[in-house]
């Protein structure tokens, strides 16, 4: 009887690890897709607004910062 419960525990542990790994893979893929979509939207908004760069200080930076 004890051997059966050890086998059941091993099976459930392996199953739990597989479910956990699958959930982590799905969450990682979703995060990557959302980051890509956010970058695309931000790039489109910048293009519509006519921004040359997302950093406004590229062209006009105060000279006292670099002395």
C-alpha atoms as a PDB file:
ATOM      1  CA  UNK A   1       0.000   0.000   0.000  1.00  0.00           C
ATOM      2  CA  UNK A   2       2.859   2.384   0.839  1.00  0.00           C
ATOM      3  CA  UNK A   3       4.467   1.689  -2.556  1.00  0.00           C
ATOM      4  CA  UNK A   4       1.267   2.731  -4.322  1.00  0.00           C
ATOM      5  CA  UNK A   5       1.117   6.025  -2.450  1.00  0.00           C
ATOM      6  CA  UNK A   6       4.794   6.724  -3.302  1.00  0.00           C
ATOM      7  CA  UNK A   7       4.054   6.092  -6.984  1.00  0.00           C
ATOM      8  CA  UNK A   8       1.004   8.346  -6.814  1.00  0.00           C
ATOM      9  CA  UNK A   9       3.016  11.070  -5.120  1.00  0.00           C
ATOM     10  CA  UNK A  10       5.759  10.796  -7.761  1.00  0.00           C
ATOM     11  CA  UNK A  11       3.200  10.946 -10.570  1.00  0.00           C
ATOM     12  CA  UNK A  12       1.435  13.968  -9.095  1.00  0.00           C
ATOM     13  CA  UNK A  13       4.748  15.741  -8.511  1.00  0.00           C
ATOM     14  CA  UNK A  14       5.814  15.162 -12.118  1.00  0.00           C
ATOM     15  CA  UNK A  15       2.425  16.311 -13.373  1.00  0.00           C
ATOM     16  CA  UNK A  16       2.587  19.457 -11.221  1.00  0.00           C
ATOM     17  CA  UNK A  17       6.047  20.267 -12.599  1.00  0.00           C
ATOM     18  CA  UNK A  18       4.836  19.856 -16.164  1.00  0.00           C
ATOM     19  CA  UNK A  19       1.826  22.104 -15.540  1.00  0.00           C
ATOM     20  CA  UNK A  20       4.070  24.701 -13.886  1.00  0.00           C
ATOM     21  CA  UNK A  21       6.539  24.625 -16.800  1.00  0.00           C
ATOM     22  CA  UNK A  22       3.739  25.002 -19.338  1.00  0.00           C
ATOM     23  CA  UNK A  23       2.224  27.933 -17.452  1.00  0.00           C
ATOM     24  CA  UNK A  24       5.617  29.642 -17.277  1.00  0.00           C
ATOM     25  CA  UNK A  25       6.106  29.191 -21.020  1.00  0.00           C
ATOM     26  CA  UNK A  26       2.695  30.639 -21.790  1.00  0.00           C
ATOM     27  CA  UNK A  27       3.255  33.606 -19.481  1.00  0.00           C
ATOM     28  CA  UNK A  28       6.636  34.294 -21.068  1.00  0.00           C
ATOM     29  CA  UNK A  29       5.163  34.183 -24.564  1.00  0.00           C
ATOM     30  CA  UNK A  30       2.323  36.465 -23.574  1.00  0.00           C
ATOM     31  CA  UNK A  31       4.695  38.984 -21.994  1.00  0.00           C
ATOM     32  CA  UNK A  32       6.849  38.996 -25.122  1.00  0.00           C
ATOM     33  CA  UNK A  33       3.847  39.505 -27.375  1.00  0.00           C
ATOM     34  CA  UNK A  34       2.533  42.351 -25.244  1.00  0.00           C
ATOM     35  CA  UNK A  35       5.945  44.039 -25.206  1.00  0.00           C
ATOM     36  CA  UNK A  36       6.157  43.794 -28.991  1.00  0.00           C
ATOM     37  CA  UNK A  37       2.658  45.228 -29.404  1.00  0.00           C
ATOM     38  CA  UNK A  38       3.416  48.090 -27.010  1.00  0.00           C
ATOM     39  CA  UNK A  39       6.626  48.928 -28.889  1.00  0.00           C
ATOM     40  CA  UNK A  40       4.764  48.904 -32.206  1.00  0.00           C
ATOM     41  CA  UNK A  41       2.044  51.209 -30.888  1.00  0.00           C
ATOM     42  CA  UNK A  42       4.594  53.576 -29.373  1.00  0.00           C
ATOM     43  CA  UNK A  43       6.521  53.668 -32.645  1.00  0.00           C
ATOM     44  CA  UNK A  44       3.347  54.379 -34.607  1.00  0.00           C
ATOM     45  CA  UNK A  45       2.362  57.203 -32.254  1.00  0.00           C
ATOM     46  CA  UNK A  46       5.852  58.704 -32.539  1.00  0.00           C
ATOM     47  CA  UNK A  47       5.640  58.538 -36.320  1.00  0.00           C
ATOM     48  CA  UNK A  48       2.203  60.174 -36.395  1.00  0.00           C
ATOM     49  CA  UNK A  49       3.402  62.960 -34.114  1.00  0.00           C
ATOM     50  CA  UNK A  50       6.481  63.473 -36.265  1.00  0.00           C
ATOM     51  CA  UNK A  51       8.991  62.775 -33.527  1.00  0.00           C
ATOM     52  CA  UNK A  52      12.526  62.168 -34.716  1.00  0.00           C
ATOM     53  CA  UNK A  53      13.417  60.283 -31.589  1.00  0.00           C
ATOM     54  CA  UNK A  54      11.790  59.137 -28.387  1.00  0.00           C
ATOM     55  CA  UNK A  55      14.462  60.928 -26.345  1.00  0.00           C
ATOM     56  CA  UNK A  56      13.715  64.658 -26.434  1.00  0.00           C
ATOM     57  CA  UNK A  57      17.196  65.536 -25.150  1.00  0.00           C
ATOM     58  CA  UNK A  58      19.124  64.135 -28.116  1.00  0.00           C
ATOM     59  CA  UNK A  59      19.335  67.423 -30.001  1.00  0.00           C
ATOM     60  CA  UNK A  60      18.956  70.030 -27.292  1.00  0.00           C
ATOM     61  CA  UNK A  61      20.899  69.044 -24.229  1.00  0.00           C
ATOM     62  CA  UNK A  62      22.121  71.708 -21.817  1.00  0.00           C
ATOM     63  CA  UNK A  63      25.850  72.299 -22.180  1.00  0.00           C
ATOM     64  CA  UNK A  64      26.364  72.485 -18.416  1.00  0.00           C
ATOM     65  CA  UNK A  65      25.603  68.769 -18.142  1.00  0.00           C
ATOM     66  CA  UNK A  66      28.644  67.803 -20.189  1.00  0.00           C
ATOM     67  CA  UNK A  67      31.348  70.178 -18.850  1.00  0.00           C
END
